[in-house]
Amino acid sequence: MLVLFTHPCWAGLDSYTELDRVNGWLIERKQGADGSLSCRAYLPSGASWFSGNIHLDARGELVVPAGRSFEAEQQEIESVRAALDRCGRDFLYLPL
C-alpha cells in the first residue's frame, strides 16, 4: 500500500542513492530538503559506513580504517575524486 504513495522524485532525498561505480568504488549522492547535494565514495565491504569502509573524506583524502589495508594506483584514486567532484557540482551526473 505504501508503494502507491511513493513518488519517484523522492529518490535520494535525505538518503543516499547509488549513482555510479568507478574502479570498484561506489559513488552515492543524497539531496537535502534545502536542495544541497552531498556525495560520498567508498569501497563496499559489508561494514558500516564509518567503521569499516575504505572511503574518501570530505576533503577527498583516503581513509583506511584500522585493521584494513589498501593499495591502489594514484590514477585510480584520482578517477574516483573526479567522479565525486562531478557528483557534487551539479544535479545532473553523467557517468563517464
C-alpha atoms as a PDB file:
ATOM      1  CA  MET A   1       0.000   0.000   0.000  1.00  0.00           C
ATOM      2  CA  LEU A   2       2.860   2.382   0.814  1.00  0.00           C
ATOM      3  CA  VAL A   3       4.219   1.877  -2.704  1.00  0.00           C
ATOM      4  CA  LEU A   4       1.151   3.599  -4.118  1.00  0.00           C
ATOM      5  CA  PHE A   5       2.045   6.792  -2.269  1.00  0.00           C
ATOM      6  CA  THR A   6       5.757   6.806  -3.066  1.00  0.00           C
ATOM      7  CA  HIS A   7       6.738   9.430  -5.590  1.00  0.00           C
ATOM      8  CA  PRO A   8       9.763   8.734  -7.858  1.00  0.00           C
ATOM      9  CA  CYS A   9      11.243  12.219  -7.408  1.00  0.00           C
ATOM     10  CA  TRP A  10      11.806  11.430  -3.722  1.00  0.00           C
ATOM     11  CA  ALA A  11      14.666   9.074  -4.610  1.00  0.00           C
ATOM     12  CA  GLY A  12      17.841  10.367  -2.990  1.00  0.00           C
ATOM     13  CA  LEU A  13      16.047  12.931  -0.838  1.00  0.00           C
ATOM     14  CA  ASP A  14      17.672  12.708   2.599  1.00  0.00           C
ATOM     15  CA  SER A  15      19.030   9.225   1.812  1.00  0.00           C
ATOM     16  CA  TYR A  16      21.951   8.150  -0.347  1.00  0.00           C
ATOM     17  CA  THR A  17      21.253   6.790  -3.825  1.00  0.00           C
ATOM     18  CA  GLU A  18      23.786   4.916  -5.949  1.00  0.00           C
ATOM     19  CA  LEU A  19      24.912   6.913  -8.981  1.00  0.00           C
ATOM     20  CA  ASP A  20      27.946   5.151 -10.368  1.00  0.00           C
ATOM     21  CA  ARG A  21      30.761   2.683  -9.806  1.00  0.00           C
ATOM     22  CA  VAL A  22      34.320   3.747 -10.588  1.00  0.00           C
ATOM     23  CA  ASN A  23      37.059   1.114 -10.344  1.00  0.00           C
ATOM     24  CA  GLY A  24      35.013  -0.778  -7.748  1.00  0.00           C
ATOM     25  CA  TRP A  25      34.241   2.365  -5.734  1.00  0.00           C
ATOM     26  CA  LEU A  26      30.598   3.217  -5.147  1.00  0.00           C
ATOM     27  CA  ILE A  27      29.579   6.831  -5.777  1.00  0.00           C
ATOM     28  CA  GLU A  28      26.417   7.858  -3.925  1.00  0.00           C
ATOM     29  CA  ARG A  29      24.541  11.113  -3.505  1.00  0.00           C
ATOM     30  CA  LYS A  30      21.697  12.494  -1.439  1.00  0.00           C
ATOM     31  CA  GLN A  31      19.837  15.754  -1.713  1.00  0.00           C
ATOM     32  CA  GLY A  32      18.891  17.631   1.403  1.00  0.00           C
ATOM     33  CA  ALA A  33      15.462  19.209   1.826  1.00  0.00           C
ATOM     34  CA  ASP A  34      17.147  22.573   1.169  1.00  0.00           C
ATOM     35  CA  GLY A  35      18.430  21.339  -2.228  1.00  0.00           C
ATOM     36  CA  SER A  36      22.032  20.840  -1.118  1.00  0.00           C
ATOM     37  CA  LEU A  37      23.886  17.877  -2.636  1.00  0.00           C
ATOM     38  CA  SER A  38      26.017  15.535  -0.546  1.00  0.00           C
ATOM     39  CA  CYS A  39      28.198  12.935  -2.257  1.00  0.00           C
ATOM     40  CA  ARG A  40      30.359  10.113  -0.967  1.00  0.00           C
ATOM     41  CA  ALA A  41      32.673   7.477  -2.404  1.00  0.00           C
ATOM     42  CA  TYR A  42      33.679   4.210  -0.776  1.00  0.00           C
ATOM     43  CA  LEU A  43      34.697   0.619  -1.406  1.00  0.00           C
ATOM     44  CA  PRO A  44      31.756  -1.527  -0.277  1.00  0.00           C
ATOM     45  CA  SER A  45      32.838  -4.148   2.249  1.00  0.00           C
ATOM     46  CA  GLY A  46      29.649  -5.033   4.095  1.00  0.00           C
ATOM     47  CA  ALA A  47      30.774  -2.988   7.097  1.00  0.00           C
ATOM     48  CA  SER A  48      29.008   0.084   8.427  1.00  0.00           C
ATOM     49  CA  TRP A  49      29.949   3.350   6.788  1.00  0.00           C
ATOM     50  CA  PHE A  50      32.228   4.841   9.468  1.00  0.00           C
ATOM     51  CA  SER A  51      33.780   1.765  10.976  1.00  0.00           C
ATOM     52  CA  GLY A  52      34.879  -0.416   8.126  1.00  0.00           C
ATOM     53  CA  ASN A  53      34.632   1.025   4.639  1.00  0.00           C
ATOM     54  CA  ILE A  54      37.640   2.456   2.890  1.00  0.00           C
ATOM     55  CA  HIS A  55      36.398   5.839   1.715  1.00  0.00           C
ATOM     56  CA  LEU A  56      37.267   9.393   0.766  1.00  0.00           C
ATOM     57  CA  ASP A  57      36.585  12.028   3.400  1.00  0.00           C
ATOM     58  CA  ALA A  58      35.004  15.457   2.792  1.00  0.00           C
ATOM     59  CA  ARG A  59      38.371  16.809   1.592  1.00  0.00           C
ATOM     60  CA  GLY A  60      38.889  13.899  -0.805  1.00  0.00           C
ATOM     61  CA  GLU A  61      41.543  12.274   1.372  1.00  0.00           C
ATOM     62  CA  LEU A  62      41.756   8.490   1.548  1.00  0.00           C
ATOM     63  CA  VAL A  63      40.556   6.974   4.849  1.00  0.00           C
ATOM     64  CA  VAL A  64      41.621   3.392   5.592  1.00  0.00           C
ATOM     65  CA  PRO A  65      40.044   2.062   8.815  1.00  0.00           C
ATOM     66  CA  ALA A  66      42.244   0.373  11.423  1.00  0.00           C
ATOM     67  CA  GLY A  67      42.878  -3.256  10.615  1.00  0.00           C
ATOM     68  CA  ARG A  68      42.331  -2.809   6.892  1.00  0.00           C
ATOM     69  CA  SER A  69      44.920  -2.401   4.177  1.00  0.00           C
ATOM     70  CA  PHE A  70      44.605  -0.751   0.799  1.00  0.00           C
ATOM     71  CA  GLU A  71      46.901  -0.347  -2.162  1.00  0.00           C
ATOM     72  CA  ALA A  72      45.889   1.376  -5.375  1.00  0.00           C
ATOM     73  CA  GLU A  73      47.393   3.361  -8.181  1.00  0.00           C
ATOM     74  CA  GLN A  74      47.159   7.134  -7.740  1.00  0.00           C
ATOM     75  CA  GLN A  75      45.307   7.292 -11.074  1.00  0.00           C
ATOM     76  CA  GLU A  76      42.525   5.092  -9.653  1.00  0.00           C
ATOM     77  CA  ILE A  77      42.044   7.425  -6.690  1.00  0.00           C
ATOM     78  CA  GLU A  78      42.095  10.470  -8.985  1.00  0.00           C
ATOM     79  CA  SER A  79      39.330   8.914 -11.126  1.00  0.00           C
ATOM     80  CA  VAL A  80      37.196   8.455  -8.007  1.00  0.00           C
ATOM     81  CA  ARG A  81      37.902  12.035  -6.891  1.00  0.00           C
ATOM     82  CA  ALA A  82      36.894  13.328 -10.336  1.00  0.00           C
ATOM     83  CA  ALA A  83      33.605  11.394 -10.164  1.00  0.00           C
ATOM     84  CA  LEU A  84      32.974  12.722  -6.653  1.00  0.00           C
ATOM     85  CA  ASP A  85      33.634  16.266  -7.861  1.00  0.00           C
ATOM     86  CA  ARG A  86      31.175  15.848 -10.776  1.00  0.00           C
ATOM     87  CA  CYS A  87      28.619  14.439  -8.351  1.00  0.00           C
ATOM     88  CA  GLY A  88      28.671  17.484  -6.095  1.00  0.00           C
ATOM     89  CA  ARG A  89      28.966  20.108  -8.808  1.00  0.00           C
ATOM     90  CA  ASP A  90      25.576  19.742 -10.471  1.00  0.00           C
ATOM     91  CA  PHE A  91      22.303  17.887 -10.072  1.00  0.00           C
ATOM     92  CA  LEU A  92      22.870  16.154 -13.423  1.00  0.00           C
ATOM     93  CA  TYR A  93      25.508  13.437 -13.059  1.00  0.00           C
ATOM     94  CA  LEU A  94      26.733  11.725 -16.198  1.00  0.00           C
ATOM     95  CA  PRO A  95      28.918   8.647 -15.693  1.00  0.00           C
ATOM     96  CA  LEU A  96      31.961   8.685 -17.959  1.00  0.00           C
END
